[in-house]
Amino acid sequence: MFSLECMPNRRDFLKGGLGMAVGLSTLVARPESAAAAENAWIVGPQPGFTPEVGTLTSMLAFTRDQVVHNVRGLSQQDLDFLLDAKANTIGALLLHLAATETYYQMNTFAGMDWDSWPDDVKKKWDIPMNLGEPARKAIKGNNLDYYLDALHQAREKSLAEFRKRDDKWLAIVVTQGDFSANNYAKWFHVAEHESNHDGQIKFLKSRVPGAKQTPE
């Protein structure tokens, strides 16, 4: 079964055909000086994307930057650290983020119904997607580059697909059963979902044996 936490209908505010209208274009375009400095603390339109799509990609970049920063320098042992018998490891959470992005790609870019993925895709991604005991057993022994590469590949594919789409696509509402959501809401969920797990990662990092306590 798919993890309820990551089901698209876990947010009540998305129920009933949320019409997240295209209306963020009043944000000031990213200044060239900031672009040159690669300032991650800019949310707004980005070069190479339509205004709202670019704004969305900047939100995705912001949350990803936080995750990458917080796992920098972690060893294989740190990534495999298990706080208790019901916890997830940091490594599993990182692969979970890549799995989540992969499934939202298939749902929004390919128009596939949730959980209708091909068997080979499920074989690769269902364990990190669903976490739990199967992930505790299977996801271990990998270095940080392994997880960062999975995240990078998923994000590069997302960005390539976003470049093909426009703001009207973001506003398209899709209904499956009694659940309705537009593409903007689904991808905003990918961003806030990553932020949620970033908090878990920071907590687990602070509990790794020998971890140095750092101010937030």
Protein backbone atom coordinates (compact mmCIF):
# COMPACT_ATOMS: atom_id res chain seq x y z
CA MET A 1 0.00 0.00 0.00
CA PHE A 2 1.08 3.55 -0.71
CA SER A 3 2.20 5.64 2.26
CA LEU A 4 -0.75 7.77 3.34
CA GLU A 5 1.57 10.62 4.22
CA CYS A 6 2.46 11.09 0.59
CA MET A 7 -0.92 10.43 -0.97
CA PRO A 8 -2.03 13.46 -2.95
CA ASN A 9 -5.29 13.59 -0.96
CA ARG A 10 -3.69 13.90 2.46
CA ARG A 11 -4.32 17.64 2.54
CA ASP A 12 -7.92 18.63 3.18
CA PHE A 13 -7.36 21.99 1.56
CA LEU A 14 -6.92 20.23 -1.77
CA LYS A 15 -10.36 18.62 -1.60
CA GLY A 16 -13.17 19.76 -3.82
CA GLY A 17 -11.23 20.88 -6.87
CA LEU A 18 -8.88 23.45 -5.50
CA GLY A 19 -8.53 26.21 -8.05
CA MET A 20 -5.05 27.47 -7.40
CA ALA A 21 -5.37 30.19 -9.96
CA VAL A 22 -2.47 31.56 -11.87
CA GLY A 23 -1.86 34.72 -9.90
CA LEU A 24 1.66 34.85 -8.57
CA SER A 25 3.04 36.72 -11.55
CA THR A 26 3.08 39.94 -9.54
CA LEU A 27 6.30 38.67 -7.97
CA VAL A 28 9.25 40.66 -9.24
CA ALA A 29 11.42 38.81 -11.71
CA ARG A 30 14.75 37.64 -10.38
CA PRO A 31 17.35 40.39 -10.83
CA GLU A 32 20.36 39.55 -12.93
CA SER A 33 22.74 40.30 -10.05
CA ALA A 34 20.96 37.73 -7.89
CA ALA A 35 20.96 35.24 -10.74
CA ALA A 36 24.68 35.67 -11.17
CA ALA A 37 25.19 35.02 -7.46
CA GLU A 38 22.91 31.99 -7.62
CA ASN A 39 20.97 33.32 -4.64
CA ALA A 40 18.78 30.46 -3.45
CA TRP A 41 16.71 32.87 -1.34
CA ILE A 42 14.79 34.25 -4.30
CA VAL A 43 11.27 32.97 -4.96
CA GLY A 44 9.87 34.13 -8.26
CA PRO A 45 10.03 33.70 -12.04
CA GLN A 46 13.15 32.00 -13.37
CA PRO A 47 14.89 32.11 -16.76
CA GLY A 48 13.82 29.36 -19.13
CA PHE A 49 10.36 28.88 -17.61
CA THR A 50 7.01 30.62 -17.84
CA PRO A 51 6.44 32.91 -14.82
CA GLU A 52 4.40 30.60 -12.58
CA VAL A 53 6.34 27.48 -13.54
CA GLY A 54 9.56 29.32 -12.74
CA THR A 55 8.18 30.42 -9.39
CA LEU A 56 7.35 26.82 -8.60
CA THR A 57 10.83 25.63 -9.56
CA SER A 58 12.33 28.26 -7.25
CA MET A 59 10.31 26.83 -4.36
CA LEU A 60 11.47 23.34 -5.22
CA ALA A 61 15.06 24.60 -5.37
CA PHE A 62 14.73 26.28 -1.98
CA THR A 63 13.61 23.13 -0.16
CA ARG A 64 16.17 20.99 -1.97
CA ASP A 65 18.95 23.38 -1.00
CA GLN A 66 17.99 22.95 2.66
CA VAL A 67 18.12 19.16 2.41
CA VAL A 68 21.48 19.07 0.64
CA HIS A 69 22.94 21.50 3.16
CA ASN A 70 21.78 19.42 6.10
CA VAL A 71 23.23 16.12 4.86
CA ARG A 72 26.57 17.53 3.74
CA GLY A 73 29.47 15.51 5.11
CA LEU A 74 27.43 12.61 6.45
CA SER A 75 29.13 9.23 6.39
CA GLN A 76 27.62 5.91 5.37
CA GLN A 77 27.27 5.07 9.03
CA ASP A 78 25.42 8.33 9.65
CA LEU A 79 23.08 7.69 6.73
CA ASP A 80 22.36 4.16 8.00
CA PHE A 81 21.83 5.19 11.64
CA LEU A 82 18.55 3.83 13.01
CA LEU A 83 17.20 5.73 15.99
CA ASP A 84 14.78 2.98 17.00
CA ALA A 85 12.96 -0.03 15.56
CA LYS A 86 10.26 2.13 13.97
CA ALA A 87 12.37 4.98 12.69
CA ASN A 88 13.59 5.70 9.17
CA THR A 89 17.23 6.27 8.36
CA ILE A 90 18.45 9.48 6.78
CA GLY A 91 19.46 7.50 3.70
CA ALA A 92 15.97 6.03 3.36
CA LEU A 93 14.41 9.48 3.69
CA LEU A 94 16.64 10.86 0.94
CA LEU A 95 15.70 8.03 -1.41
CA HIS A 96 12.06 8.53 -0.39
CA LEU A 97 12.26 12.12 -1.67
CA ALA A 98 13.55 10.89 -5.03
CA ALA A 99 10.78 8.29 -5.18
CA THR A 100 8.12 10.88 -4.38
CA GLU A 101 9.34 13.19 -7.14
CA THR A 102 9.46 10.28 -9.59
CA TYR A 103 5.85 9.30 -8.89
CA TYR A 104 4.60 12.87 -9.17
CA GLN A 105 6.38 13.13 -12.51
CA MET A 106 4.48 10.11 -13.77
CA ASN A 107 1.20 11.39 -12.38
CA THR A 108 1.43 14.96 -13.67
CA PHE A 109 3.68 14.80 -16.74
CA ALA A 110 2.59 11.40 -18.06
CA GLY A 111 -1.01 11.63 -16.83
CA MET A 112 -0.89 8.26 -15.09
CA ASP A 113 -3.35 7.45 -12.31
CA TRP A 114 -1.78 7.09 -8.90
CA ASP A 115 -0.33 3.62 -8.26
CA SER A 116 -0.76 2.54 -11.89
CA TRP A 117 2.99 2.52 -12.46
CA PRO A 118 4.69 -0.26 -14.46
CA ASP A 119 6.04 -3.19 -12.45
CA ASP A 120 9.66 -2.26 -13.09
CA VAL A 121 9.04 1.23 -11.68
CA LYS A 122 7.31 -0.19 -8.61
CA LYS A 123 10.17 -2.63 -8.09
CA LYS A 124 12.65 0.24 -8.00
CA TRP A 125 10.68 2.87 -6.11
CA ASP A 126 7.92 1.32 -4.00
CA ILE A 127 10.17 0.40 -1.07
CA PRO A 128 11.65 3.90 -0.64
CA MET A 129 8.24 5.39 -1.34
CA ASN A 130 6.47 3.44 1.37
CA LEU A 131 9.36 3.30 3.87
CA GLY A 132 8.71 1.16 6.97
CA GLU A 133 10.31 -2.22 7.66
CA PRO A 134 11.08 -3.09 4.00
CA ALA A 135 13.07 0.14 3.69
CA ARG A 136 14.88 -0.47 6.98
CA LYS A 137 16.05 -3.82 5.62
CA ALA A 138 16.85 -2.82 2.03
CA ILE A 139 18.14 0.76 2.09
CA LYS A 140 21.59 0.69 3.65
CA GLY A 141 25.25 0.53 2.77
CA ASN A 142 25.20 3.47 0.35
CA ASN A 143 27.35 6.58 0.53
CA LEU A 144 25.99 10.12 0.33
CA ASP A 145 26.74 10.49 -3.38
CA TYR A 146 24.39 7.59 -4.12
CA TYR A 147 21.46 9.44 -2.60
CA LEU A 148 22.39 12.86 -3.94
CA ASP A 149 22.69 11.39 -7.43
CA ALA A 150 19.18 9.91 -7.18
CA LEU A 151 17.83 13.29 -6.08
CA HIS A 152 19.73 15.10 -8.83
CA GLN A 153 18.52 12.79 -11.58
CA ALA A 154 14.91 13.11 -10.46
CA ARG A 155 15.15 16.90 -10.30
CA GLU A 156 16.81 17.25 -13.69
CA LYS A 157 13.99 15.27 -15.26
CA SER A 158 11.42 17.45 -13.53
CA LEU A 159 13.06 20.64 -14.72
CA ALA A 160 13.28 19.34 -18.29
CA GLU A 161 9.56 18.60 -18.21
CA PHE A 162 8.69 21.95 -16.63
CA ARG A 163 10.46 23.72 -19.49
CA LYS A 164 7.96 22.11 -21.88
CA ARG A 165 4.94 23.40 -19.96
CA ASP A 166 3.28 26.72 -19.26
CA ASP A 167 1.25 28.42 -16.56
CA LYS A 168 -2.04 27.12 -17.93
CA TRP A 169 -0.80 23.58 -17.39
CA LEU A 170 -0.22 24.35 -13.72
CA ALA A 171 -3.86 25.38 -13.33
CA ILE A 172 -5.31 22.21 -14.89
CA VAL A 173 -7.50 20.39 -12.37
CA VAL A 174 -7.52 16.59 -12.49
CA THR A 175 -10.15 14.56 -10.65
CA GLN A 176 -9.57 10.98 -9.57
CA GLY A 177 -12.47 9.49 -7.64
CA ASP A 178 -13.63 12.10 -5.15
CA PHE A 179 -10.27 13.89 -5.10
CA SER A 180 -9.46 16.90 -7.25
CA ALA A 181 -6.23 18.87 -7.47
CA ASN A 182 -4.41 21.02 -9.97
CA ASN A 183 -0.82 20.49 -11.04
CA TYR A 184 0.35 23.53 -9.10
CA ALA A 185 -0.97 22.11 -5.84
CA LYS A 186 0.57 18.71 -6.52
CA TRP A 187 4.02 20.15 -7.09
CA PHE A 188 3.72 22.56 -4.21
CA HIS A 189 3.07 19.44 -2.15
CA VAL A 190 6.33 17.96 -3.43
CA ALA A 191 8.11 21.06 -2.09
CA GLU A 192 6.43 21.13 1.32
CA HIS A 193 6.75 17.35 1.64
CA GLU A 194 10.50 17.72 1.17
CA SER A 195 10.55 20.43 3.82
CA ASN A 196 8.71 18.13 6.22
CA HIS A 197 11.26 15.35 5.78
CA ASP A 198 14.09 17.85 6.03
CA GLY A 199 12.96 18.46 9.59
CA GLN A 200 13.10 14.74 10.28
CA ILE A 201 16.56 14.54 8.74
CA LYS A 202 17.83 17.35 10.98
CA PHE A 203 16.42 15.60 14.04
CA LEU A 204 17.99 12.25 13.11
CA LYS A 205 21.29 13.96 12.33
CA SER A 206 21.31 15.42 15.85
CA ARG A 207 20.88 11.92 17.31
CA VAL A 208 23.66 10.22 15.34
CA PRO A 209 26.29 8.95 17.84
CA GLY A 210 28.93 11.60 18.29
CA ALA A 211 26.86 14.32 16.61
CA LYS A 212 27.84 17.88 17.47
CA GLN A 213 24.97 20.07 18.59
CA THR A 214 24.60 23.06 16.31
CA PRO A 215 22.27 26.06 16.69
CA GLU A 216 19.28 26.19 14.38
